[in-house]
Amino acid sequence: MNNDSSSDNANDRDEYPTVTAADLDRAVFRIGHQPAPHTQRVTIMLDTVILAYCKAQAGERGYQTLINETLRHAIMPESLEETLRRVLREELQRPGRRRTTRQSSKTATPL
């Protein structure tokens, strides 16, 4: 086996350039061939009432996730079918909802 290298400095090929923050800022992270979804850190001023509401509603998933989902829904509205299904689910789960005679005789099927 020949261990001779065509390069004068065989160790040079093992040295990689230093990756800087600017390099990472320009990088496009991918999953497969598609760019990976990512988030960007921002500072935003919110009313204390809005922040308290989001924290109370979010539970374990985190209020920042809830705010992000709410903003995403604002720019990408759901279809009419999705809206109707969501409203029906909410109404069916609402406590104190009156049952009609037709509903009381049959078990409601989930949507």
N, C-alpha and C. Protein backbone atom coordinates (compact mmCIF):
# COMPACT_ATOMS: atom_id res chain seq x y z
N MET A 1 0.83 -1.16 0.00
CA MET A 1 0.00 0.00 0.00
C MET A 1 0.88 1.24 0.00
N ASN A 2 0.54 2.19 -0.82
CA ASN A 2 1.35 3.39 -0.93
C ASN A 2 0.72 4.50 -0.10
N ASN A 3 1.44 5.02 0.88
CA ASN A 3 0.95 6.08 1.75
C ASN A 3 1.42 7.45 1.29
N ASP A 4 2.06 7.51 0.14
CA ASP A 4 2.53 8.80 -0.36
C ASP A 4 1.34 9.65 -0.77
N SER A 5 1.46 10.93 -0.53
CA SER A 5 0.40 11.87 -0.90
C SER A 5 0.90 12.75 -2.02
N SER A 6 0.00 13.14 -2.89
CA SER A 6 0.41 14.03 -3.98
C SER A 6 0.60 15.45 -3.47
N SER A 7 0.11 15.74 -2.25
CA SER A 7 0.25 17.06 -1.66
C SER A 7 1.46 17.09 -0.76
N ASP A 8 2.12 18.26 -0.73
CA ASP A 8 3.25 18.41 0.17
C ASP A 8 2.80 18.37 1.62
N ASN A 9 1.63 18.92 1.88
CA ASN A 9 1.09 18.94 3.25
C ASN A 9 -0.15 18.05 3.30
N ALA A 10 0.02 16.82 3.67
CA ALA A 10 -1.09 15.88 3.70
C ALA A 10 -2.13 16.25 4.75
N ASN A 11 -1.69 16.95 5.79
CA ASN A 11 -2.63 17.32 6.85
C ASN A 11 -3.53 18.49 6.45
N ASP A 12 -3.20 19.24 5.40
CA ASP A 12 -3.99 20.39 4.98
C ASP A 12 -5.40 19.99 4.56
N ARG A 13 -5.55 18.81 4.01
CA ARG A 13 -6.88 18.41 3.53
C ARG A 13 -7.84 18.14 4.69
N ASP A 14 -7.34 17.97 5.90
CA ASP A 14 -8.18 17.74 7.06
C ASP A 14 -8.58 19.04 7.76
N GLU A 15 -8.05 20.15 7.32
CA GLU A 15 -8.38 21.41 7.95
C GLU A 15 -9.51 22.07 7.18
N TYR A 16 -10.57 22.38 7.90
CA TYR A 16 -11.73 23.02 7.30
C TYR A 16 -11.74 24.49 7.67
N PRO A 17 -12.31 25.32 6.80
CA PRO A 17 -12.38 26.75 7.17
C PRO A 17 -13.33 26.95 8.34
N THR A 18 -13.09 28.00 9.08
CA THR A 18 -13.92 28.32 10.23
C THR A 18 -15.28 28.82 9.74
N VAL A 19 -16.36 28.28 10.33
CA VAL A 19 -17.71 28.70 9.97
C VAL A 19 -18.08 29.89 10.86
N THR A 20 -18.45 30.98 10.22
CA THR A 20 -18.77 32.20 10.96
C THR A 20 -20.29 32.36 11.08
N ALA A 21 -20.72 33.32 11.90
CA ALA A 21 -22.14 33.63 12.04
C ALA A 21 -22.71 34.11 10.71
N ALA A 22 -21.90 34.85 9.93
CA ALA A 22 -22.35 35.33 8.62
C ALA A 22 -22.59 34.14 7.68
N ASP A 23 -21.76 33.12 7.77
CA ASP A 23 -21.96 31.92 6.95
C ASP A 23 -23.29 31.25 7.30
N LEU A 24 -23.58 31.15 8.59
CA LEU A 24 -24.83 30.52 9.02
C LEU A 24 -26.04 31.36 8.63
N ASP A 25 -25.90 32.69 8.65
CA ASP A 25 -27.01 33.56 8.24
C ASP A 25 -27.35 33.37 6.77
N ARG A 26 -26.35 33.09 5.96
CA ARG A 26 -26.58 32.89 4.52
C ARG A 26 -27.00 31.47 4.18
N ALA A 27 -26.86 30.56 5.12
CA ALA A 27 -27.13 29.14 4.85
C ALA A 27 -28.62 28.89 4.67
N VAL A 28 -28.94 27.93 3.81
CA VAL A 28 -30.33 27.49 3.63
C VAL A 28 -30.39 26.07 4.17
N PHE A 29 -31.08 25.90 5.28
CA PHE A 29 -31.19 24.59 5.89
C PHE A 29 -32.28 23.80 5.18
N ARG A 30 -32.02 22.55 4.89
CA ARG A 30 -32.94 21.76 4.09
C ARG A 30 -33.26 20.43 4.77
N ILE A 31 -34.46 19.96 4.49
CA ILE A 31 -34.85 18.60 4.84
C ILE A 31 -35.15 17.95 3.50
N GLY A 32 -34.34 16.98 3.14
CA GLY A 32 -34.44 16.45 1.79
C GLY A 32 -34.00 17.54 0.82
N HIS A 33 -34.84 17.85 -0.15
CA HIS A 33 -34.52 18.92 -1.10
C HIS A 33 -35.30 20.19 -0.83
N GLN A 34 -36.16 20.18 0.19
CA GLN A 34 -36.99 21.33 0.51
C GLN A 34 -36.35 22.15 1.63
N PRO A 35 -36.42 23.48 1.53
CA PRO A 35 -35.91 24.29 2.64
C PRO A 35 -36.68 23.97 3.92
N ALA A 36 -35.95 23.84 5.02
CA ALA A 36 -36.57 23.51 6.31
C ALA A 36 -37.29 24.73 6.86
N PRO A 37 -38.46 24.52 7.46
CA PRO A 37 -39.14 25.66 8.07
C PRO A 37 -38.33 26.13 9.27
N HIS A 38 -38.32 27.42 9.48
CA HIS A 38 -37.56 27.95 10.61
C HIS A 38 -38.29 29.15 11.18
N THR A 39 -37.87 29.52 12.35
CA THR A 39 -38.45 30.67 13.01
C THR A 39 -37.37 31.72 13.17
N GLN A 40 -37.79 32.94 13.41
CA GLN A 40 -36.86 34.04 13.61
C GLN A 40 -37.20 34.72 14.92
N ARG A 41 -36.18 34.99 15.70
CA ARG A 41 -36.38 35.64 16.99
C ARG A 41 -36.70 37.11 16.76
N VAL A 42 -37.77 37.58 17.41
CA VAL A 42 -38.16 38.98 17.31
C VAL A 42 -38.51 39.50 18.71
N THR A 43 -38.49 40.81 18.83
CA THR A 43 -38.96 41.46 20.04
C THR A 43 -40.22 42.22 19.68
N ILE A 44 -41.28 42.00 20.44
CA ILE A 44 -42.56 42.62 20.12
C ILE A 44 -43.19 43.12 21.42
N MET A 45 -43.84 44.24 21.32
CA MET A 45 -44.54 44.80 22.48
C MET A 45 -46.02 44.42 22.37
N LEU A 46 -46.55 43.77 23.40
CA LEU A 46 -47.95 43.36 23.43
C LEU A 46 -48.63 43.96 24.64
N ASP A 47 -49.92 44.20 24.53
CA ASP A 47 -50.69 44.64 25.68
C ASP A 47 -50.64 43.55 26.75
N THR A 48 -50.60 43.95 28.00
CA THR A 48 -50.53 42.97 29.09
C THR A 48 -51.77 42.07 29.11
N VAL A 49 -52.92 42.61 28.72
CA VAL A 49 -54.15 41.81 28.69
C VAL A 49 -54.03 40.70 27.64
N ILE A 50 -53.46 41.03 26.48
CA ILE A 50 -53.29 40.03 25.41
C ILE A 50 -52.31 38.96 25.86
N LEU A 51 -51.22 39.36 26.45
CA LEU A 51 -50.21 38.40 26.91
C LEU A 51 -50.78 37.47 27.99
N ALA A 52 -51.52 38.03 28.94
CA ALA A 52 -52.12 37.22 30.00
C ALA A 52 -53.13 36.23 29.41
N TYR A 53 -53.93 36.68 28.45
CA TYR A 53 -54.91 35.80 27.80
C TYR A 53 -54.20 34.64 27.09
N CYS A 54 -53.16 34.95 26.33
CA CYS A 54 -52.44 33.90 25.58
C CYS A 54 -51.79 32.91 26.53
N LYS A 55 -51.22 33.40 27.62
CA LYS A 55 -50.59 32.49 28.58
C LYS A 55 -51.64 31.58 29.23
N ALA A 56 -52.81 32.13 29.52
CA ALA A 56 -53.87 31.34 30.14
C ALA A 56 -54.43 30.30 29.16
N GLN A 57 -54.55 30.65 27.90
CA GLN A 57 -55.12 29.75 26.90
C GLN A 57 -54.14 28.69 26.44
N ALA A 58 -52.85 28.99 26.45
CA ALA A 58 -51.85 28.12 25.86
C ALA A 58 -51.65 26.82 26.62
N GLY A 59 -51.71 26.84 27.92
CA GLY A 59 -51.46 25.64 28.69
C GLY A 59 -50.01 25.21 28.56
N GLU A 60 -49.80 23.93 28.34
CA GLU A 60 -48.43 23.39 28.30
C GLU A 60 -47.71 23.64 26.99
N ARG A 61 -48.43 23.96 25.93
CA ARG A 61 -47.75 24.10 24.64
C ARG A 61 -47.00 25.41 24.52
N GLY A 62 -47.25 26.37 25.38
CA GLY A 62 -46.51 27.63 25.38
C GLY A 62 -47.26 28.75 24.69
N TYR A 63 -47.21 29.90 25.31
CA TYR A 63 -47.97 31.03 24.79
C TYR A 63 -47.37 31.57 23.49
N GLN A 64 -46.06 31.45 23.30
CA GLN A 64 -45.45 31.93 22.06
C GLN A 64 -45.92 31.09 20.87
N THR A 65 -46.09 29.79 21.09
CA THR A 65 -46.62 28.93 20.04
C THR A 65 -48.04 29.33 19.70
N LEU A 66 -48.84 29.62 20.71
CA LEU A 66 -50.22 30.06 20.48
C LEU A 66 -50.26 31.36 19.69
N ILE A 67 -49.42 32.32 20.05
CA ILE A 67 -49.37 33.58 19.32
C ILE A 67 -48.96 33.34 17.88
N ASN A 68 -47.96 32.48 17.65
CA ASN A 68 -47.50 32.18 16.30
C ASN A 68 -48.62 31.53 15.48
N GLU A 69 -49.34 30.56 16.06
CA GLU A 69 -50.44 29.91 15.36
C GLU A 69 -51.56 30.90 15.04
N THR A 70 -51.85 31.79 15.97
CA THR A 70 -52.89 32.79 15.75
C THR A 70 -52.52 33.73 14.61
N LEU A 71 -51.28 34.17 14.58
CA LEU A 71 -50.83 35.03 13.49
C LEU A 71 -50.82 34.29 12.15
N ARG A 72 -50.43 33.01 12.17
CA ARG A 72 -50.43 32.21 10.94
C ARG A 72 -51.85 32.07 10.40
N HIS A 73 -52.82 31.83 11.28
CA HIS A 73 -54.22 31.72 10.84
C HIS A 73 -54.73 33.05 10.28
N ALA A 74 -54.21 34.16 10.80
CA ALA A 74 -54.65 35.47 10.31
C ALA A 74 -54.20 35.72 8.88
N ILE A 75 -53.03 35.20 8.50
CA ILE A 75 -52.55 35.43 7.14
C ILE A 75 -52.91 34.30 6.18
N MET A 76 -53.23 33.12 6.70
CA MET A 76 -53.62 31.99 5.86
C MET A 76 -54.95 31.46 6.37
N PRO A 77 -56.04 32.13 6.01
CA PRO A 77 -57.34 31.70 6.54
C PRO A 77 -57.70 30.28 6.10
N GLU A 78 -58.42 29.60 6.98
CA GLU A 78 -58.82 28.24 6.68
C GLU A 78 -59.97 28.22 5.68
N SER A 79 -60.18 27.08 5.06
CA SER A 79 -61.25 26.95 4.08
C SER A 79 -62.60 26.97 4.79
N LEU A 80 -63.65 27.15 4.02
CA LEU A 80 -65.00 27.17 4.58
C LEU A 80 -65.30 25.84 5.27
N GLU A 81 -64.90 24.74 4.67
CA GLU A 81 -65.14 23.42 5.27
C GLU A 81 -64.44 23.31 6.62
N GLU A 82 -63.18 23.73 6.69
CA GLU A 82 -62.44 23.67 7.96
C GLU A 82 -63.11 24.55 9.02
N THR A 83 -63.57 25.73 8.61
CA THR A 83 -64.24 26.63 9.54
C THR A 83 -65.51 26.01 10.09
N LEU A 84 -66.33 25.44 9.20
CA LEU A 84 -67.58 24.81 9.64
C LEU A 84 -67.32 23.64 10.58
N ARG A 85 -66.34 22.82 10.26
CA ARG A 85 -66.01 21.69 11.13
C ARG A 85 -65.54 22.16 12.51
N ARG A 86 -64.69 23.20 12.52
CA ARG A 86 -64.19 23.72 13.79
C ARG A 86 -65.33 24.29 14.63
N VAL A 87 -66.21 25.07 14.02
CA VAL A 87 -67.33 25.67 14.76
C VAL A 87 -68.26 24.59 15.29
N LEU A 88 -68.56 23.59 14.47
CA LEU A 88 -69.43 22.50 14.92
C LEU A 88 -68.81 21.74 16.09
N ARG A 89 -67.51 21.45 16.02
CA ARG A 89 -66.84 20.77 17.13
C ARG A 89 -66.93 21.60 18.41
N GLU A 90 -66.68 22.90 18.29
CA GLU A 90 -66.74 23.78 19.46
C GLU A 90 -68.15 23.81 20.05
N GLU A 91 -69.15 23.87 19.19
CA GLU A 91 -70.54 23.91 19.67
C GLU A 91 -70.94 22.59 20.31
N LEU A 92 -70.49 21.48 19.76
CA LEU A 92 -70.83 20.18 20.33
C LEU A 92 -70.17 19.96 21.69
N GLN A 93 -69.03 20.58 21.91
CA GLN A 93 -68.31 20.41 23.18
C GLN A 93 -68.73 21.44 24.23
N ARG A 94 -69.50 22.44 23.85
CA ARG A 94 -69.87 23.50 24.78
C ARG A 94 -70.77 22.96 25.88
N PRO A 95 -70.43 23.23 27.15
CA PRO A 95 -71.26 22.75 28.26
C PRO A 95 -72.61 23.48 28.28
N GLY A 96 -73.64 22.77 28.73
CA GLY A 96 -74.97 23.36 28.84
C GLY A 96 -75.72 23.44 27.52
N ARG A 97 -75.20 22.80 26.50
CA ARG A 97 -75.86 22.81 25.19
C ARG A 97 -77.13 21.99 25.28
N ARG A 98 -78.23 22.54 24.78
CA ARG A 98 -79.51 21.82 24.81
C ARG A 98 -79.51 20.72 23.78
N ARG A 99 -80.04 19.59 24.14
CA ARG A 99 -80.14 18.47 23.22
C ARG A 99 -81.56 18.42 22.67
N THR A 100 -81.67 18.14 21.41
CA THR A 100 -82.99 17.96 20.81
C THR A 100 -83.41 16.52 21.01
N THR A 101 -84.67 16.21 20.78
CA THR A 101 -85.15 14.83 20.95
C THR A 101 -84.45 13.90 19.98
N ARG A 102 -84.11 14.39 18.83
CA ARG A 102 -83.42 13.56 17.84
C ARG A 102 -82.02 13.22 18.34
N GLN A 103 -81.31 14.18 18.93
CA GLN A 103 -79.97 13.94 19.43
C GLN A 103 -79.98 13.03 20.65
N SER A 104 -80.98 13.17 21.51
CA SER A 104 -80.99 12.39 22.74
C SER A 104 -81.26 10.91 22.46
N SER A 105 -81.90 10.60 21.36
CA SER A 105 -82.19 9.21 21.07
C SER A 105 -81.04 8.50 20.36
N LYS A 106 -80.15 9.27 19.78
CA LYS A 106 -79.01 8.69 19.05
C LYS A 106 -77.72 9.29 19.59
N THR A 107 -76.67 8.55 19.46
CA THR A 107 -75.37 9.04 19.85
C THR A 107 -74.80 9.85 18.69
N ALA A 108 -74.32 11.06 18.97
CA ALA A 108 -73.74 11.90 17.93
C ALA A 108 -72.44 11.29 17.47
N THR A 109 -72.21 11.31 16.18
CA THR A 109 -70.95 10.82 15.64
C THR A 109 -69.96 11.96 15.56
N PRO A 110 -68.68 11.69 15.88
CA PRO A 110 -67.68 12.77 15.82
C PRO A 110 -67.45 13.20 14.38
N LEU A 111 -67.07 14.46 14.23
CA LEU A 111 -66.82 14.99 12.88
C LEU A 111 -65.50 14.54 12.39
